[in-house]
Amino acid sequence: MTVKFIVSREAWWYDANKSALGDAFTDVLNIIHDDWEFMVVEVDLGRYGDALQVKVFDDAWKAFDAIPEFFEGLADLGKGATVEDIIDLMVSLGFTDGTERETPARYRKD
């Protein structure tokens, strides 16, 4: 099974779409498979600091069965985990980094 992830803050399109993500999200990871997709977001809780949240819509609940090792890894990381910890976890599980960091030629203004 191929699972890829996208590190939104490193994607070429991030600055143009940052406002669509919402001010409360300081970082977003998309975890993608052919049959489902969900996000791990870093949420700014103001004076309480940042916290990670998994956002899974009901059509992606099958991800819990498909990649239980990911969710077990989250539990092992526990409170205080960072986005970088999640990226390291995904790499250790063999997920593919699908982040498009270079702007495609059709979108460049050179």
Protein backbone atom coordinates (compact mmCIF):
# COMPACT_ATOMS: atom_id res chain seq x y z
CA MET A 1 0.00 0.00 0.00
CA THR A 2 1.31 3.41 -0.96
CA VAL A 3 0.62 6.25 1.43
CA LYS A 4 1.99 9.70 0.78
CA PHE A 5 2.07 12.87 2.80
CA ILE A 6 2.24 16.54 1.93
CA VAL A 7 3.91 19.11 4.17
CA SER A 8 1.76 22.12 3.31
CA ARG A 9 4.15 24.80 4.62
CA GLU A 10 6.83 23.49 2.24
CA ALA A 11 4.60 23.24 -0.84
CA TRP A 12 5.02 25.77 -3.65
CA TRP A 13 1.36 26.81 -3.37
CA TYR A 14 1.31 27.35 0.40
CA ASP A 15 1.62 31.15 0.53
CA ALA A 16 -1.16 31.64 -2.03
CA ASN A 17 -3.53 29.36 -0.10
CA LYS A 18 -2.50 30.14 3.46
CA SER A 19 -5.63 32.15 4.24
CA ALA A 20 -7.86 29.23 3.15
CA LEU A 21 -6.25 27.05 5.83
CA GLY A 22 -7.42 29.39 8.58
CA ASP A 23 -5.48 31.45 11.07
CA ALA A 24 -5.79 28.86 13.82
CA PHE A 25 -3.81 26.26 11.84
CA THR A 26 -0.09 26.89 12.09
CA ASP A 27 0.86 23.76 10.15
CA VAL A 28 -0.96 21.12 8.09
CA LEU A 29 0.06 17.63 6.99
CA ASN A 30 -2.12 15.78 4.48
CA ILE A 31 -1.93 11.98 4.58
CA ILE A 32 -3.18 10.52 1.30
CA HIS A 33 -4.06 7.09 -0.08
CA ASP A 34 -6.13 6.22 -3.15
CA ASP A 35 -9.13 5.37 -0.94
CA TRP A 36 -8.90 8.04 1.77
CA GLU A 37 -7.25 11.24 2.95
CA PHE A 38 -7.00 12.98 6.30
CA MET A 39 -5.02 15.76 7.94
CA VAL A 40 -2.88 16.33 10.95
CA VAL A 41 -3.04 20.00 11.86
CA GLU A 42 -1.10 22.04 14.34
CA VAL A 43 -3.55 24.36 16.04
CA ASP A 44 -2.60 27.59 17.80
CA LEU A 45 -4.36 27.49 21.17
CA GLY A 46 -3.20 30.96 22.11
CA ARG A 47 -1.80 31.17 25.62
CA TYR A 48 -1.92 27.36 25.86
CA GLY A 49 0.52 26.93 22.98
CA ASP A 50 0.21 24.66 19.95
CA ALA A 51 -1.42 21.23 19.83
CA LEU A 52 -1.74 18.59 17.14
CA GLN A 53 -5.15 17.41 15.97
CA VAL A 54 -6.08 14.61 13.55
CA LYS A 55 -8.96 15.58 11.26
CA VAL A 56 -10.61 12.52 9.70
CA PHE A 57 -13.93 12.77 7.84
CA ASP A 58 -16.23 9.75 7.95
CA ASP A 59 -15.35 8.66 4.40
CA ALA A 60 -11.73 8.18 5.56
CA TRP A 61 -12.35 6.20 8.75
CA LYS A 62 -11.04 3.11 6.97
CA ALA A 63 -7.59 4.64 7.44
CA PHE A 64 -7.75 3.49 11.07
CA ASP A 65 -7.77 -0.13 9.82
CA ALA A 66 -5.41 0.48 6.92
CA ILE A 67 -2.55 2.09 8.87
CA PRO A 68 -2.96 1.18 12.54
CA GLU A 69 0.79 1.53 13.02
CA PHE A 70 0.49 5.25 12.26
CA PHE A 71 -2.15 5.77 14.94
CA GLU A 72 -0.20 3.60 17.39
CA GLY A 73 2.83 5.78 16.64
CA LEU A 74 0.81 8.88 17.45
CA ALA A 75 -0.17 7.34 20.78
CA ASP A 76 3.48 6.53 21.49
CA LEU A 77 4.51 10.13 20.68
CA GLY A 78 1.88 11.45 23.07
CA LYS A 79 1.14 14.99 24.11
CA GLY A 80 3.76 17.49 23.08
CA ALA A 81 4.59 15.81 19.76
CA THR A 82 5.60 18.18 16.98
CA VAL A 83 4.88 18.24 13.26
CA GLU A 84 8.49 17.16 12.74
CA ASP A 85 7.87 14.13 15.00
CA ILE A 86 4.89 13.18 12.81
CA ILE A 87 6.97 13.58 9.64
CA ASP A 88 9.69 11.35 11.14
CA LEU A 89 7.02 8.78 12.07
CA MET A 90 5.62 8.75 8.53
CA VAL A 91 9.07 8.37 6.99
CA SER A 92 9.88 5.50 9.38
CA LEU A 93 6.65 3.77 8.27
CA GLY A 94 7.61 4.08 4.61
CA PHE A 95 5.15 6.81 3.66
CA THR A 96 6.25 8.79 0.59
CA ASP A 97 6.84 12.53 0.75
CA GLY A 98 4.62 13.91 -2.03
CA THR A 99 5.22 17.58 -1.28
CA GLU A 100 5.66 19.60 -4.48
CA ARG A 101 8.32 22.09 -3.45
CA GLU A 102 9.16 23.49 -6.89
CA THR A 103 6.68 25.73 -8.68
CA PRO A 104 5.59 24.09 -11.97
CA ALA A 105 6.72 26.03 -15.04
CA ARG A 106 3.14 26.93 -16.00
CA TYR A 107 2.78 28.88 -12.74
CA ARG A 108 6.16 30.64 -12.74
CA LYS A 109 6.38 34.31 -13.50
CA ASP A 110 9.93 34.27 -14.93
